[in-house]
Protein backbone atom coordinates (compact mmCIF):
# COMPACT_ATOMS: atom_id res chain seq x y z
CA MET A 1 107.68 76.24 104.44
CA ARG A 2 106.60 76.57 100.83
CA GLN A 3 102.77 76.72 100.04
CA ILE A 4 100.92 78.05 97.10
CA LEU A 5 97.67 79.91 97.76
CA ASN A 6 95.24 80.35 94.93
CA ASP A 7 92.47 82.76 94.22
CA ILE A 8 92.41 84.78 97.35
CA GLU A 9 90.81 88.22 97.73
CA ALA A 10 93.31 90.93 98.53
CA GLY A 11 91.54 91.95 101.80
CA LYS A 12 91.63 88.32 103.05
CA VAL A 13 95.43 87.36 102.31
CA THR A 14 96.17 88.18 106.26
CA ASP A 15 93.42 86.10 107.44
CA GLU A 16 94.54 83.24 105.26
CA LEU A 17 98.12 83.46 106.21
CA ARG A 18 97.08 83.51 109.85
CA ARG A 19 94.78 80.31 109.32
CA ARG A 20 97.67 78.46 107.84
CA GLY A 21 100.10 79.40 110.80
CA VAL A 22 102.14 82.09 109.62
CA ARG A 23 103.22 84.10 112.51
CA PRO A 24 103.24 87.88 112.68
CA GLY A 25 106.61 89.32 111.83
CA GLN A 26 107.64 86.25 109.75
CA ARG A 27 109.23 87.22 106.68
CA LEU A 28 107.74 86.18 103.36
CA ARG A 29 108.42 86.08 99.69
CA VAL A 30 105.39 87.02 97.83
CA VAL A 31 104.53 86.76 94.13
CA VAL A 32 101.24 88.42 93.13
CA GLU A 33 99.43 87.69 89.96
CA SER A 34 96.10 89.08 89.22
CA ILE A 35 93.43 86.75 87.84
CA GLU A 36 91.02 89.53 86.92
CA ALA A 37 90.61 90.43 83.35
CA GLU A 38 92.34 93.59 83.81
CA ALA A 39 95.39 93.81 86.03
CA PRO A 40 96.28 97.03 87.74
CA SER A 41 98.92 99.10 86.05
CA LEU A 42 102.27 99.24 87.64
CA THR A 43 101.68 103.14 88.07
CA GLY A 44 98.56 102.50 89.84
CA MET A 45 100.14 100.02 92.09
CA ASN A 46 102.76 102.52 92.85
CA ALA A 47 100.42 105.26 93.58
CA ALA A 48 98.22 103.18 95.76
CA GLY A 49 101.24 101.93 97.68
CA ARG A 50 102.50 105.44 98.30
CA ALA A 51 106.14 104.30 97.78
CA PHE A 52 107.07 107.56 95.96
CA ASP A 53 105.10 110.06 98.22
CA TRP A 54 108.40 111.25 99.66
CA LEU A 55 109.12 112.85 96.26
CA ALA A 56 106.48 115.54 97.03
CA GLU A 57 108.76 116.91 99.85
CA GLU A 58 111.85 116.89 97.69
CA PRO A 59 112.82 120.36 96.37
CA ASP A 60 112.78 120.93 92.56
CA LEU A 61 116.18 121.18 91.44
CA TYR A 62 115.75 122.28 87.89
CA THR A 63 113.36 124.89 86.22
CA ASP A 64 112.59 125.68 82.61
CA ALA A 65 115.33 128.32 82.90
CA ASP A 66 117.87 125.52 83.14
CA LEU A 67 117.01 124.30 79.66
CA VAL A 68 119.79 124.72 77.03
CA GLU A 69 117.44 124.64 74.16
CA ARG A 70 113.48 124.98 74.44
CA PHE A 71 111.61 122.41 72.15
CA ARG A 72 108.44 123.54 70.60
CA GLN A 73 105.66 121.22 69.67
């Protein structure tokens, strides 16, 4: 099945897919293009998606003491 959905608000995508007969659990390939004047930044999308939250629990492996040479500004 190949369909192109145009100009759908983010909060209404699930309803639109359901209306078109896409079953829950069906795997999809999705391409997202923002039609707003200002598209969200990649960093903003990553933060909102929480994909890197696990890094907060990772130990810090290096400190300033590990620097071979300290740089000054």
